[in-house]
Every structure is written in C-alpha cells, then in structure tokens.
Amino acid sequence: MAITEADRLDMHLQFRRLMGDKVADTVMEHLPPAGWGDVARVSDVDHLASRVNGVNDRLNGIVAGLWAMGSMTAVGFIGLFTIIATKF
C-alpha cells in the first residue's frame, strides 16, 4: 500500500495530538519524504560503486588503447613523410 501525503498529514496530526508539536515534528523529520522504498541501502550504494569502478576501469583501458593507436599513427606518418622527403 502506497502512503499518500494525506496519510502522512493525518499521521502527523495524530502524533501532534498524542505527543505534542515538538516530538511529532521530530518524528516526522526522521521519515523519508517519499517512503522507505525510495531510500537506498548501503548495499545498493556499494553495488553501484563497484559497477561504476568497473566501467571506469574499462574506459581507462579504452583511453590507453586510443593513445597507443594515436602514437602508432603518428609514427607511421613520420615514417611516411621521411620516406617521401628523402625521395625528392
């Protein structure tokens, strides 16, 4: 069952009636604004961090490969330019 804002307001008003304004406000401030289903657990954050790290590692490998390809291309052009320059 999804808790609506009207349900939250009713609960807050009941808390105020039973426990007073200060305690009711404190209790309500400790509840998540949208419900517990929207709160991430530590294990969720850890799982996401490991996935991000895996993507980061793969991207670092791709970047290293691109640098290597760029270096080989530059060496190839220098070699080609040297061959052409020595022929003329």
N, C-alpha and C. Protein backbone atom coordinates (compact mmCIF):
# COMPACT_ATOMS: atom_id res chain seq x y z
N MET A 1 0.84 -1.18 0.00
CA MET A 1 0.00 0.00 0.00
C MET A 1 0.88 1.24 0.00
N ALA A 2 0.64 2.12 -0.93
CA ALA A 2 1.42 3.36 -1.02
C ALA A 2 0.86 4.38 -0.02
N ILE A 3 1.76 5.04 0.65
CA ILE A 3 1.36 6.06 1.61
C ILE A 3 1.28 7.39 0.88
N THR A 4 0.15 8.04 0.99
CA THR A 4 -0.05 9.32 0.32
C THR A 4 0.34 10.47 1.24
N GLU A 5 0.41 11.67 0.68
CA GLU A 5 0.71 12.84 1.50
C GLU A 5 -0.42 13.09 2.50
N ALA A 6 -1.63 12.75 2.12
CA ALA A 6 -2.76 12.90 3.05
C ALA A 6 -2.59 11.96 4.24
N ASP A 7 -2.13 10.73 3.98
CA ASP A 7 -1.86 9.78 5.07
C ASP A 7 -0.78 10.31 5.99
N ARG A 8 0.26 10.89 5.40
CA ARG A 8 1.36 11.43 6.21
C ARG A 8 0.86 12.60 7.07
N LEU A 9 0.02 13.44 6.50
CA LEU A 9 -0.52 14.57 7.26
C LEU A 9 -1.39 14.07 8.41
N ASP A 10 -2.25 13.08 8.14
CA ASP A 10 -3.07 12.51 9.21
C ASP A 10 -2.21 11.96 10.34
N MET A 11 -1.16 11.24 9.98
CA MET A 11 -0.27 10.67 10.97
C MET A 11 0.40 11.78 11.79
N HIS A 12 0.84 12.83 11.10
CA HIS A 12 1.49 13.94 11.78
C HIS A 12 0.52 14.61 12.76
N LEU A 13 -0.70 14.82 12.33
CA LEU A 13 -1.69 15.45 13.21
C LEU A 13 -1.98 14.57 14.43
N GLN A 14 -2.04 13.25 14.23
CA GLN A 14 -2.26 12.34 15.36
C GLN A 14 -1.06 12.37 16.33
N PHE A 15 0.14 12.39 15.76
CA PHE A 15 1.33 12.50 16.62
C PHE A 15 1.29 13.79 17.42
N ARG A 16 0.91 14.88 16.79
CA ARG A 16 0.84 16.16 17.50
C ARG A 16 -0.17 16.09 18.64
N ARG A 17 -1.31 15.48 18.37
CA ARG A 17 -2.35 15.37 19.39
C ARG A 17 -1.88 14.51 20.56
N LEU A 18 -1.18 13.41 20.24
CA LEU A 18 -0.78 12.48 21.29
C LEU A 18 0.52 12.86 22.00
N MET A 19 1.48 13.42 21.25
CA MET A 19 2.82 13.63 21.81
C MET A 19 3.24 15.09 21.88
N GLY A 20 2.49 15.97 21.29
CA GLY A 20 2.87 17.37 21.27
C GLY A 20 3.60 17.73 19.97
N ASP A 21 3.64 19.02 19.69
CA ASP A 21 4.20 19.51 18.42
C ASP A 21 5.67 19.15 18.24
N LYS A 22 6.49 19.39 19.26
CA LYS A 22 7.94 19.19 19.13
C LYS A 22 8.28 17.73 18.83
N VAL A 23 7.72 16.81 19.57
CA VAL A 23 8.00 15.39 19.37
C VAL A 23 7.46 14.93 18.02
N ALA A 24 6.24 15.36 17.68
CA ALA A 24 5.65 14.96 16.39
C ALA A 24 6.50 15.46 15.23
N ASP A 25 6.96 16.71 15.31
CA ASP A 25 7.81 17.25 14.24
C ASP A 25 9.13 16.48 14.13
N THR A 26 9.70 16.13 15.29
CA THR A 26 10.95 15.37 15.29
C THR A 26 10.75 14.00 14.65
N VAL A 27 9.67 13.32 15.00
CA VAL A 27 9.38 12.00 14.41
C VAL A 27 9.22 12.13 12.90
N MET A 28 8.46 13.09 12.46
CA MET A 28 8.21 13.25 11.01
C MET A 28 9.49 13.61 10.25
N GLU A 29 10.39 14.36 10.88
CA GLU A 29 11.65 14.72 10.21
C GLU A 29 12.54 13.50 10.00
N HIS A 30 12.34 12.45 10.77
CA HIS A 30 13.15 11.24 10.63
C HIS A 30 12.61 10.29 9.56
N LEU A 31 11.43 10.57 9.05
CA LEU A 31 10.86 9.73 8.00
C LEU A 31 11.30 10.23 6.63
N PRO A 32 11.54 9.34 5.69
CA PRO A 32 11.89 9.79 4.34
C PRO A 32 10.69 10.48 3.70
N PRO A 33 10.92 11.45 2.83
CA PRO A 33 9.82 12.22 2.25
C PRO A 33 8.91 11.40 1.34
N ALA A 34 9.43 10.37 0.68
CA ALA A 34 8.63 9.64 -0.30
C ALA A 34 8.33 8.20 0.12
N GLY A 35 8.85 7.75 1.21
CA GLY A 35 8.63 6.38 1.65
C GLY A 35 9.94 5.60 1.66
N TRP A 36 9.95 4.51 2.40
CA TRP A 36 11.17 3.73 2.58
C TRP A 36 11.60 3.04 1.29
N GLY A 37 10.68 2.83 0.36
CA GLY A 37 11.04 2.18 -0.90
C GLY A 37 11.99 3.02 -1.74
N ASP A 38 12.02 4.33 -1.48
CA ASP A 38 12.88 5.23 -2.26
C ASP A 38 14.23 5.48 -1.60
N VAL A 39 14.46 4.86 -0.46
CA VAL A 39 15.72 5.06 0.26
C VAL A 39 16.72 3.97 -0.16
N ALA A 40 17.92 4.39 -0.53
CA ALA A 40 18.96 3.43 -0.93
C ALA A 40 19.60 2.82 0.32
N ARG A 41 19.87 1.53 0.23
CA ARG A 41 20.59 0.84 1.31
C ARG A 41 22.08 0.94 1.02
N VAL A 42 22.88 0.69 2.05
CA VAL A 42 24.34 0.72 1.89
C VAL A 42 24.76 -0.29 0.83
N SER A 43 24.12 -1.46 0.81
CA SER A 43 24.47 -2.48 -0.17
C SER A 43 24.15 -2.00 -1.60
N ASP A 44 23.08 -1.20 -1.75
CA ASP A 44 22.75 -0.64 -3.07
C ASP A 44 23.85 0.31 -3.54
N VAL A 45 24.29 1.16 -2.64
CA VAL A 45 25.34 2.14 -2.98
C VAL A 45 26.65 1.42 -3.27
N ASP A 46 26.98 0.40 -2.46
CA ASP A 46 28.21 -0.37 -2.70
C ASP A 46 28.17 -1.07 -4.05
N HIS A 47 27.02 -1.64 -4.39
CA HIS A 47 26.88 -2.32 -5.69
C HIS A 47 27.06 -1.32 -6.84
N LEU A 48 26.44 -0.15 -6.71
CA LEU A 48 26.57 0.87 -7.74
C LEU A 48 28.02 1.33 -7.86
N ALA A 49 28.70 1.50 -6.73
CA ALA A 49 30.11 1.93 -6.74
C ALA A 49 30.98 0.90 -7.45
N SER A 50 30.73 -0.39 -7.21
CA SER A 50 31.54 -1.41 -7.88
C SER A 50 31.28 -1.42 -9.38
N ARG A 51 30.04 -1.18 -9.79
CA ARG A 51 29.73 -1.13 -11.23
C ARG A 51 30.38 0.09 -11.87
N VAL A 52 30.36 1.22 -11.18
CA VAL A 52 30.99 2.44 -11.71
C VAL A 52 32.49 2.23 -11.82
N ASN A 53 33.09 1.60 -10.82
CA ASN A 53 34.53 1.33 -10.88
C ASN A 53 34.87 0.42 -12.06
N GLY A 54 34.02 -0.58 -12.32
CA GLY A 54 34.25 -1.47 -13.45
C GLY A 54 34.19 -0.71 -14.77
N VAL A 55 33.22 0.18 -14.90
CA VAL A 55 33.12 1.00 -16.12
C VAL A 55 34.33 1.91 -16.24
N ASN A 56 34.75 2.48 -15.12
CA ASN A 56 35.91 3.36 -15.12
C ASN A 56 37.16 2.61 -15.57
N ASP A 57 37.34 1.39 -15.09
CA ASP A 57 38.50 0.58 -15.49
C ASP A 57 38.47 0.30 -16.99
N ARG A 58 37.27 -0.03 -17.51
CA ARG A 58 37.16 -0.29 -18.96
C ARG A 58 37.45 0.96 -19.78
N LEU A 59 36.95 2.11 -19.31
CA LEU A 59 37.21 3.36 -20.03
C LEU A 59 38.70 3.70 -20.01
N ASN A 60 39.36 3.45 -18.89
CA ASN A 60 40.80 3.70 -18.82
C ASN A 60 41.54 2.82 -19.83
N GLY A 61 41.10 1.57 -19.98
CA GLY A 61 41.71 0.69 -20.98
C GLY A 61 41.48 1.19 -22.40
N ILE A 62 40.28 1.69 -22.66
CA ILE A 62 39.98 2.22 -23.99
C ILE A 62 40.83 3.45 -24.27
N VAL A 63 40.95 4.32 -23.30
CA VAL A 63 41.77 5.53 -23.48
C VAL A 63 43.22 5.16 -23.74
N ALA A 64 43.74 4.18 -22.99
CA ALA A 64 45.12 3.75 -23.21
C ALA A 64 45.28 3.19 -24.62
N GLY A 65 44.30 2.42 -25.07
CA GLY A 65 44.35 1.88 -26.43
C GLY A 65 44.30 2.98 -27.48
N LEU A 66 43.49 3.99 -27.26
CA LEU A 66 43.42 5.11 -28.21
C LEU A 66 44.74 5.87 -28.26
N TRP A 67 45.37 6.07 -27.10
CA TRP A 67 46.68 6.74 -27.09
C TRP A 67 47.71 5.91 -27.87
N ALA A 68 47.67 4.60 -27.68
CA ALA A 68 48.61 3.73 -28.40
C ALA A 68 48.36 3.80 -29.90
N MET A 69 47.09 3.78 -30.31
CA MET A 69 46.78 3.87 -31.74
C MET A 69 47.21 5.21 -32.30
N GLY A 70 46.98 6.27 -31.53
CA GLY A 70 47.40 7.60 -31.98
C GLY A 70 48.91 7.69 -32.13
N SER A 71 49.62 7.09 -31.19
CA SER A 71 51.09 7.10 -31.26
C SER A 71 51.58 6.32 -32.47
N MET A 72 50.97 5.15 -32.72
CA MET A 72 51.38 4.36 -33.89
C MET A 72 51.07 5.10 -35.19
N THR A 73 49.94 5.78 -35.23
CA THR A 73 49.58 6.56 -36.42
C THR A 73 50.58 7.69 -36.64
N ALA A 74 50.95 8.36 -35.56
CA ALA A 74 51.92 9.46 -35.67
C ALA A 74 53.27 8.93 -36.16
N VAL A 75 53.70 7.81 -35.62
CA VAL A 75 54.97 7.22 -36.06
C VAL A 75 54.88 6.83 -37.54
N GLY A 76 53.74 6.28 -37.95
CA GLY A 76 53.55 5.91 -39.35
C GLY A 76 53.64 7.12 -40.27
N PHE A 77 52.99 8.22 -39.87
CA PHE A 77 53.05 9.43 -40.70
C PHE A 77 54.46 10.01 -40.75
N ILE A 78 55.16 9.98 -39.63
CA ILE A 78 56.54 10.48 -39.62
C ILE A 78 57.41 9.63 -40.54
N GLY A 79 57.22 8.29 -40.44
CA GLY A 79 57.98 7.40 -41.31
C GLY A 79 57.66 7.64 -42.78
N LEU A 80 56.38 7.78 -43.10
CA LEU A 80 55.96 8.03 -44.49
C LEU A 80 56.51 9.37 -44.97
N PHE A 81 56.41 10.38 -44.12
CA PHE A 81 56.94 11.69 -44.50
C PHE A 81 58.45 11.62 -44.73
N THR A 82 59.16 10.86 -43.91
CA THR A 82 60.61 10.71 -44.05
C THR A 82 60.93 10.03 -45.37
N ILE A 83 60.21 8.99 -45.72
CA ILE A 83 60.44 8.28 -46.98
C ILE A 83 60.18 9.21 -48.15
N ILE A 84 59.06 9.92 -48.11
CA ILE A 84 58.73 10.83 -49.21
C ILE A 84 59.75 11.95 -49.30
N ALA A 85 60.17 12.50 -48.17
CA ALA A 85 61.12 13.61 -48.17
C ALA A 85 62.48 13.20 -48.70
N THR A 86 62.90 11.97 -48.43
CA THR A 86 64.22 11.54 -48.90
C THR A 86 64.20 11.17 -50.38
N LYS A 87 63.03 10.92 -50.95
CA LYS A 87 62.93 10.60 -52.39
C LYS A 87 63.04 11.85 -53.24
N PHE A 88 62.70 12.98 -52.69
CA PHE A 88 62.72 14.20 -53.50
C PHE A 88 63.91 15.00 -53.17
